[in-house]
Amino acid sequence: MSAPGTSTPPSSPPSTTSPLGRALPTVRDRDYLLDRSGVIFKVIGDVHPNSHWLGYVKYYADERGDRTLFGRTYRQNTVVSKAFGILADRPECYVYSPVVGCVITGVPREDVVTHYSCRQALAALHESPELLDGSLVSKDLLAIIDWVVGAGAADVIGVTGSFLVGVAGARSDVDLVCYGPRGYEVAQALFAERSLIQPYEGETLTRLYVRRAKYMSGSSFDMLMRQEARKLQGLTAGAGAHINCEPLRADGDRTFHNVVAQEVGEIRVLARITDHTEGLATPALYGINVETVIGSTIDEAEVFARRITHLRSYLGAYTGAFRKGDTVHLSGRLVHIQGPGLPDGFGIELTPWSAATSFLASLAR
């Protein structure tokens, strides 16, 4: 694999005029931020230090890219941990997060030039559909946006991904977000609207399996499909493009505020889900009971296992994927978490900021 291009600031600031970008209001999880070097970050989480907005590099200038932004060639990044290498010449973008419990990446607040809000993008595309290229997938998105606006739900549904920054093409996926319990209910109704979104079923299940299997190593076809069927995803009615909706926490949710996580090591277990009520939004929080320790980087792992009470995931792939009573194969960080409203004890954390290991969760039975 070739080395990623660096994010050295251009000789002149990029043009940042965009009908999708606005002045900086409240920054929410999965919004995008353009910095003065021309790098676009995807925001992760809603708890940030005063110095940075936490997230990873989503688009960066690179001649090997396949899309154009601000008159330059850009490349998309889909692997969170690759942001460490892309930002190798910018150590100011490495920051320790007490809530996650490790060094992650982020953009210094003073470097932000433009904020792309998922909510505002939906409103802008509804008001100005000419911003899209007229492709079948764009028409599908506009029909979905019309449905959302007609349902009076534009405040709890947003558009993210390539459509958020105006670099979508005819083969792009449609990435949505929904906010809080009301947003989740609206999204469920949207994905049940067969004139707009078709479910993965029959032969298209193989297409979904190929898409997800690389992230769910070791899972059987049937178990993976059972897990994936619980999530908000499908195919757009016209173009047959993949569409998904990431459930996010409601505005003002303080579940992870004032939380401190301390990493102990890594652990792999079979665990039973004891509570999924907080697992329906990202970051997902599940109650668990460890049944079997399969492997660990720490000694006496069974002693810790008796005190592990929860699973926390910053990986959207596992939001809403599990239910009470499920047995799940988990591979993640063993952390001690303290915070108001959370169980004071040990948990297993799935974070994308790991350059050495891919943390996984898959339905076992």
Protein backbone atom coordinates (compact mmCIF):
# COMPACT_ATOMS: atom_id res chain seq x y z
CA MET A 1 0.00 0.00 0.00
CA SER A 2 1.40 3.39 -0.90
CA ALA A 3 2.05 5.90 1.85
CA PRO A 4 -0.71 8.45 2.40
CA GLY A 5 -0.17 11.97 1.19
CA THR A 6 0.56 14.58 3.84
CA SER A 7 -1.64 17.53 4.68
CA THR A 8 0.96 20.24 4.16
CA PRO A 9 -0.84 23.60 3.97
CA PRO A 10 -1.21 24.86 0.40
CA SER A 11 0.72 27.94 -0.70
CA SER A 12 -2.52 29.90 -0.61
CA PRO A 13 -5.63 29.23 1.48
CA PRO A 14 -8.26 27.13 -0.30
CA SER A 15 -11.44 28.74 -1.43
CA THR A 16 -13.95 27.76 1.23
CA THR A 17 -17.08 29.19 -0.30
CA SER A 18 -19.76 26.51 -0.14
CA PRO A 19 -23.54 26.64 0.02
CA LEU A 20 -23.36 23.62 2.32
CA GLY A 21 -20.93 25.14 4.82
CA ARG A 22 -21.90 27.76 7.37
CA ALA A 23 -20.53 29.77 10.26
CA LEU A 24 -19.80 27.58 13.27
CA PRO A 25 -22.97 26.78 15.25
CA THR A 26 -23.09 23.80 17.60
CA VAL A 27 -20.80 21.09 16.26
CA ARG A 28 -22.41 17.65 16.38
CA ASP A 29 -21.17 14.11 15.96
CA ARG A 30 -20.62 13.21 12.27
CA ASP A 31 -20.49 16.84 11.11
CA TYR A 32 -17.47 17.77 8.97
CA LEU A 33 -14.90 20.53 9.56
CA LEU A 34 -12.59 22.12 6.98
CA ASP A 35 -9.33 23.47 8.39
CA ARG A 36 -7.02 26.17 7.05
CA SER A 37 -4.76 23.53 5.45
CA GLY A 38 -7.61 22.30 3.29
CA VAL A 39 -8.14 19.07 5.25
CA ILE A 40 -11.69 17.94 6.00
CA PHE A 41 -12.22 16.20 9.34
CA LYS A 42 -15.18 14.02 10.30
CA VAL A 43 -16.27 14.82 13.85
CA ILE A 44 -16.50 11.86 16.24
CA GLY A 45 -18.50 12.15 19.45
CA ASP A 46 -19.99 15.11 21.27
CA VAL A 47 -17.44 15.48 24.07
CA HIS A 48 -14.44 17.58 23.06
CA PRO A 49 -11.58 19.34 24.88
CA ASN A 50 -11.49 23.14 24.80
CA SER A 51 -8.55 23.02 22.39
CA HIS A 52 -9.80 20.63 19.66
CA TRP A 53 -12.75 19.15 17.84
CA LEU A 54 -12.10 15.41 17.92
CA GLY A 55 -12.36 13.47 14.68
CA TYR A 56 -10.37 11.98 11.85
CA VAL A 57 -9.28 12.98 8.34
CA LYS A 58 -12.04 12.23 5.84
CA TYR A 59 -10.80 14.11 2.74
CA TYR A 60 -7.33 15.47 2.03
CA ALA A 61 -5.53 16.91 -0.98
CA ASP A 62 -3.72 14.15 -2.86
CA GLU A 63 -3.03 13.72 -6.57
CA ARG A 64 -4.07 10.05 -6.25
CA GLY A 65 -7.58 11.09 -5.29
CA ASP A 66 -10.74 10.70 -7.37
CA ARG A 67 -12.71 13.86 -6.58
CA THR A 68 -12.32 17.60 -6.79
CA LEU A 69 -12.74 20.16 -4.01
CA PHE A 70 -11.84 23.83 -4.18
CA GLY A 71 -10.24 23.26 -7.58
CA ARG A 72 -7.85 20.60 -6.22
CA THR A 73 -7.74 16.80 -6.33
CA TYR A 74 -8.80 15.18 -3.07
CA ARG A 75 -8.63 11.65 -1.71
CA GLN A 76 -11.12 10.02 0.61
CA ASN A 77 -9.99 8.23 3.78
CA THR A 78 -12.23 5.50 5.22
CA VAL A 79 -9.88 4.11 7.91
CA VAL A 80 -9.84 6.19 11.08
CA SER A 81 -6.38 5.11 12.24
CA LYS A 82 -4.84 6.19 8.90
CA ALA A 83 -5.40 9.76 10.07
CA PHE A 84 -2.32 9.40 12.28
CA GLY A 85 -0.13 8.95 9.20
CA ILE A 86 -1.90 11.58 7.10
CA LEU A 87 -1.29 14.06 9.92
CA ALA A 88 2.30 12.98 10.58
CA ASP A 89 3.61 16.49 9.86
CA ARG A 90 1.00 18.07 12.12
CA PRO A 91 1.57 16.88 15.70
CA GLU A 92 -0.83 19.57 16.91
CA CYS A 93 -3.60 17.29 15.59
CA TYR A 94 -2.69 14.51 18.04
CA VAL A 95 -4.59 14.92 21.30
CA TYR A 96 -5.25 12.81 24.37
CA SER A 97 -8.94 12.29 25.09
CA PRO A 98 -9.78 11.41 28.71
CA VAL A 99 -13.29 10.30 27.71
CA VAL A 100 -11.94 7.79 25.16
CA GLY A 101 -8.84 7.00 27.20
CA CYS A 102 -6.21 7.21 24.47
CA VAL A 103 -4.45 9.53 22.02
CA ILE A 104 -6.69 10.27 19.04
CA THR A 105 -6.77 12.90 16.31
CA GLY A 106 -8.60 16.19 16.05
CA VAL A 107 -8.49 19.64 14.51
CA PRO A 108 -7.40 22.60 16.66
CA ARG A 109 -10.41 24.85 17.07
CA GLU A 110 -8.58 27.94 15.85
CA ASP A 111 -7.75 26.15 12.57
CA VAL A 112 -11.38 25.55 11.55
CA VAL A 113 -12.43 27.49 8.48
CA THR A 114 -15.82 25.98 7.62
CA HIS A 115 -18.31 23.82 9.49
CA TYR A 116 -20.50 21.44 7.49
CA SER A 117 -23.58 20.63 9.56
CA CYS A 118 -25.55 17.48 8.68
CA ARG A 119 -28.80 19.22 9.58
CA GLN A 120 -28.00 22.33 7.56
CA ALA A 121 -26.97 20.22 4.56
CA LEU A 122 -30.40 18.59 4.47
CA ALA A 123 -32.06 22.01 4.60
CA ALA A 124 -29.75 23.45 1.94
CA LEU A 125 -30.34 20.56 -0.47
CA HIS A 126 -34.09 20.85 0.02
CA GLU A 127 -34.02 24.57 -0.71
CA SER A 128 -31.51 24.32 -3.59
CA PRO A 129 -31.76 20.91 -5.31
CA GLU A 130 -29.64 22.27 -8.16
CA LEU A 131 -26.64 21.77 -5.86
CA LEU A 132 -26.82 18.09 -6.81
CA ASP A 133 -25.67 16.64 -10.14
CA GLY A 134 -28.96 15.15 -11.31
CA SER A 135 -27.76 11.54 -11.09
CA LEU A 136 -30.18 8.78 -10.11
CA VAL A 137 -28.75 8.59 -6.59
CA SER A 138 -29.09 12.38 -6.23
CA LYS A 139 -32.74 12.14 -7.26
CA ASP A 140 -33.22 9.37 -4.70
CA LEU A 141 -31.71 11.58 -2.00
CA LEU A 142 -33.95 14.51 -2.93
CA ALA A 143 -37.04 12.28 -2.71
CA ILE A 144 -35.92 11.14 0.73
CA ILE A 145 -35.28 14.73 1.84
CA ASP A 146 -38.74 15.73 0.60
CA TRP A 147 -40.24 12.91 2.68
CA VAL A 148 -38.30 14.03 5.77
CA VAL A 149 -39.35 17.66 5.37
CA GLY A 150 -42.94 16.61 4.71
CA ALA A 151 -42.88 14.58 7.92
CA GLY A 152 -41.79 17.68 9.86
CA ALA A 153 -38.56 15.94 10.84
CA ALA A 154 -35.85 18.15 9.31
CA ASP A 155 -34.65 18.97 12.83
CA VAL A 156 -33.85 15.33 13.68
CA ILE A 157 -32.47 13.99 10.35
CA GLY A 158 -29.27 15.08 8.61
CA VAL A 159 -27.14 14.30 5.55
CA THR A 160 -23.51 13.30 6.03
CA GLY A 161 -20.84 11.63 3.88
CA SER A 162 -19.90 12.79 0.39
CA PHE A 163 -23.19 14.65 -0.10
CA LEU A 164 -22.40 16.78 2.95
CA VAL A 165 -19.43 18.48 1.30
CA GLY A 166 -20.58 18.30 -2.31
CA VAL A 167 -18.26 15.59 -3.66
CA ALA A 168 -20.82 12.85 -4.32
CA GLY A 169 -20.92 11.06 -7.65
CA ALA A 170 -23.26 8.75 -9.49
CA ARG A 171 -21.93 5.74 -7.54
CA SER A 172 -21.99 7.33 -4.09
CA ASP A 173 -23.73 5.88 -1.06
CA VAL A 174 -26.31 7.91 0.83
CA ASP A 175 -25.32 8.52 4.46
CA LEU A 176 -27.88 9.93 6.88
CA VAL A 177 -27.91 10.62 10.60
CA CYS A 178 -30.80 10.86 13.04
CA TYR A 179 -30.79 12.52 16.46
CA GLY A 180 -32.28 11.14 19.66
CA PRO A 181 -35.32 8.88 20.21
CA ARG A 182 -37.60 10.97 17.96
CA GLY A 183 -35.06 10.92 15.15
CA TYR A 184 -34.73 7.15 15.51
CA GLU A 185 -38.51 6.70 15.22
CA VAL A 186 -38.65 8.92 12.12
CA ALA A 187 -35.74 7.01 10.55
CA GLN A 188 -37.50 3.69 11.21
CA ALA A 189 -40.58 5.01 9.41
CA LEU A 190 -38.42 6.28 6.52
CA PHE A 191 -36.68 2.94 6.03
CA ALA A 192 -40.06 1.20 6.03
CA GLU A 193 -41.20 3.40 3.10
CA ARG A 194 -40.73 0.95 0.23
CA SER A 195 -41.29 3.59 -2.46
CA LEU A 196 -38.04 5.20 -1.29
CA ILE A 197 -35.89 2.46 0.25
CA GLN A 198 -35.79 -1.26 -0.44
CA PRO A 199 -34.53 -3.65 2.24
CA TYR A 200 -31.62 -5.99 1.70
CA GLU A 201 -33.25 -9.33 0.91
CA GLY A 202 -32.89 -12.24 -1.47
CA GLU A 203 -29.89 -11.88 -3.78
CA THR A 204 -29.00 -8.45 -2.44
CA LEU A 205 -28.09 -10.02 0.92
CA THR A 206 -24.88 -11.27 -0.67
CA ARG A 207 -24.06 -7.68 -1.63
CA LEU A 208 -24.56 -6.62 1.99
CA TYR A 209 -22.44 -9.52 3.25
CA VAL A 210 -19.54 -8.57 0.97
CA ARG A 211 -19.82 -4.97 2.19
CA ARG A 212 -19.77 -5.88 5.88
CA ALA A 213 -17.79 -9.13 6.17
CA LYS A 214 -14.39 -7.43 6.21
CA TYR A 215 -15.46 -5.59 9.37
CA MET A 216 -17.04 -8.65 11.00
CA SER A 217 -14.25 -11.22 10.76
CA GLY A 218 -15.28 -14.67 11.94
CA SER A 219 -19.03 -14.15 11.72
CA SER A 220 -21.15 -16.61 9.73
CA PHE A 221 -23.39 -15.41 6.91
CA ASP A 222 -26.60 -16.09 8.85
CA MET A 223 -25.39 -14.44 12.06
CA LEU A 224 -24.04 -11.42 10.24
CA MET A 225 -27.27 -10.93 8.33
CA ARG A 226 -29.27 -11.24 11.55
CA GLN A 227 -27.07 -8.57 13.12
CA GLU A 228 -27.24 -6.29 10.09
CA ALA A 229 -31.03 -6.61 9.79
CA ARG A 230 -31.38 -4.62 13.01
CA LYS A 231 -29.72 -1.55 11.54
CA LEU A 232 -31.12 1.31 9.48
CA GLN A 233 -29.86 0.46 5.98
CA GLY A 234 -31.08 -0.59 2.58
CA LEU A 235 -31.00 0.30 -1.13
CA THR A 236 -32.42 3.44 -2.69
CA ALA A 237 -35.43 2.77 -4.93
CA GLY A 238 -34.06 4.35 -8.11
CA ALA A 239 -30.30 3.91 -8.28
CA GLY A 240 -30.09 0.93 -5.94
CA ALA A 241 -27.41 2.76 -3.96
CA HIS A 242 -26.56 1.69 -0.43
CA ILE A 243 -28.22 3.94 2.14
CA ASN A 244 -27.73 3.91 5.88
CA CYS A 245 -28.68 6.08 8.83
CA GLU A 246 -26.46 6.49 11.88
CA PRO A 247 -28.49 7.01 15.07
CA LEU A 248 -26.80 9.70 17.17
CA ARG A 249 -27.52 10.93 20.67
CA ALA A 250 -30.00 13.71 21.23
CA ASP A 251 -28.94 17.34 21.56
CA GLY A 252 -27.90 17.93 25.15
CA ASP A 253 -27.31 14.24 25.92
CA ARG A 254 -24.67 14.18 28.66
CA THR A 255 -24.16 10.44 29.05
CA PHE A 256 -20.43 10.68 28.36
CA HIS A 257 -19.71 14.14 29.73
CA ASN A 258 -17.26 14.20 32.66
CA VAL A 259 -16.34 10.58 31.94
CA VAL A 260 -12.75 9.41 32.41
CA ALA A 261 -11.55 6.18 30.81
CA GLN A 262 -8.26 4.48 31.66
CA GLU A 263 -6.95 1.74 29.41
CA VAL A 264 -5.76 -1.45 31.12
CA GLY A 265 -5.05 -3.69 28.14
CA GLU A 266 -6.86 -5.63 25.45
CA ILE A 267 -9.27 -8.53 25.91
CA ARG A 268 -11.32 -10.96 23.81
CA VAL A 269 -14.42 -12.55 25.30
CA LEU A 270 -17.82 -14.10 24.77
CA ALA A 271 -20.35 -11.92 26.58
CA ARG A 272 -24.11 -11.84 27.04
CA ILE A 273 -25.93 -8.56 26.44
CA THR A 274 -27.87 -7.65 29.60
CA ASP A 275 -29.17 -4.22 28.51
CA HIS A 276 -29.37 -2.61 25.06
CA THR A 277 -31.43 0.52 25.83
CA GLU A 278 -28.36 2.79 25.53
CA GLY A 279 -27.02 0.84 22.56
CA LEU A 280 -29.41 2.33 20.00
CA ALA A 281 -27.37 5.54 19.53
CA THR A 282 -23.70 6.26 18.92
CA PRO A 283 -21.58 6.07 21.04
CA ALA A 284 -23.40 2.86 21.96
CA LEU A 285 -23.41 1.63 25.56
CA TYR A 286 -24.49 -1.95 26.29
CA GLY A 287 -24.70 -3.76 29.60
CA ILE A 288 -22.83 -7.07 29.39
CA ASN A 289 -21.92 -10.11 31.45
CA VAL A 290 -18.72 -11.91 30.43
CA GLU A 291 -19.23 -15.64 29.98
CA THR A 292 -15.81 -16.74 28.67
CA VAL A 293 -12.40 -15.06 28.33
CA ILE A 294 -10.85 -16.14 25.03
CA GLY A 295 -7.64 -14.13 25.17
CA SER A 296 -6.07 -11.11 26.80
CA THR A 297 -2.88 -9.01 26.97
CA ILE A 298 -3.18 -8.90 30.78
CA ASP A 299 -2.58 -11.54 33.44
CA GLU A 300 -5.43 -12.86 35.58
CA ALA A 301 -7.98 -11.73 32.99
CA GLU A 302 -10.69 -13.82 34.67
CA VAL A 303 -10.43 -11.58 37.74
CA PHE A 304 -11.24 -8.55 35.58
CA ALA A 305 -13.94 -10.46 33.71
CA ARG A 306 -16.09 -10.75 36.85
CA ARG A 307 -16.09 -6.95 37.11
CA ILE A 308 -16.76 -6.10 33.45
CA THR A 309 -20.26 -4.65 33.25
CA HIS A 310 -20.53 -2.80 29.94
CA LEU A 311 -19.50 -2.44 26.32
CA ARG A 312 -18.96 1.00 24.82
CA SER A 313 -18.56 1.44 21.06
CA TYR A 314 -17.50 4.47 19.05
CA LEU A 315 -17.78 2.28 15.94
CA GLY A 316 -21.14 3.02 14.32
CA ALA A 317 -21.20 -0.50 12.85
CA TYR A 318 -22.32 -1.81 16.25
CA THR A 319 -24.95 0.77 17.11
CA GLY A 320 -28.32 -0.98 17.40
CA ALA A 321 -26.77 -4.29 16.36
CA PHE A 322 -27.36 -6.20 19.60
CA ARG A 323 -30.30 -6.96 21.88
CA LYS A 324 -30.72 -8.15 25.44
CA GLY A 325 -30.04 -11.88 25.64
CA ASP A 326 -27.64 -12.00 22.66
CA THR A 327 -24.26 -13.67 23.07
CA VAL A 328 -21.57 -11.59 21.37
CA HIS A 329 -17.93 -12.20 20.51
CA LEU A 330 -16.02 -9.07 21.56
CA SER A 331 -12.45 -7.99 20.94
CA GLY A 332 -11.58 -4.58 22.36
CA ARG A 333 -9.81 -2.47 24.93
CA LEU A 334 -10.27 -3.28 28.60
CA VAL A 335 -10.86 0.07 30.29
CA HIS A 336 -11.82 1.38 33.68
CA ILE A 337 -14.51 4.03 33.33
CA GLN A 338 -15.70 6.54 35.89
CA GLY A 339 -18.41 9.11 35.37
CA PRO A 340 -21.78 10.33 36.60
CA GLY A 341 -24.60 8.04 35.54
CA LEU A 342 -22.27 5.26 34.39
CA PRO A 343 -21.37 2.04 36.21
CA ASP A 344 -18.09 2.65 38.05
CA GLY A 345 -16.03 -0.29 36.89
CA PHE A 346 -14.51 -2.10 33.97
CA GLY A 347 -15.77 -2.24 30.43
CA ILE A 348 -14.75 -3.27 26.94
CA GLU A 349 -14.35 -0.40 24.52
CA LEU A 350 -14.43 -0.53 20.73
CA THR A 351 -12.63 2.47 19.28
CA PRO A 352 -11.52 3.17 15.72
CA TRP A 353 -8.32 4.87 16.93
CA SER A 354 -6.19 1.75 16.92
CA ALA A 355 -3.39 1.48 14.39
CA ALA A 356 -2.38 -2.05 15.44
CA THR A 357 -5.66 -3.89 16.07
CA SER A 358 -9.15 -3.96 14.58
CA PHE A 359 -11.64 -4.15 17.41
CA LEU A 360 -14.66 -6.27 16.57
CA ALA A 361 -18.07 -7.32 17.87
CA SER A 362 -20.09 -10.09 16.23
CA LEU A 363 -23.23 -11.95 17.14
CA ALA A 364 -22.39 -15.47 18.32
CA ARG A 365 -25.88 -16.76 19.15
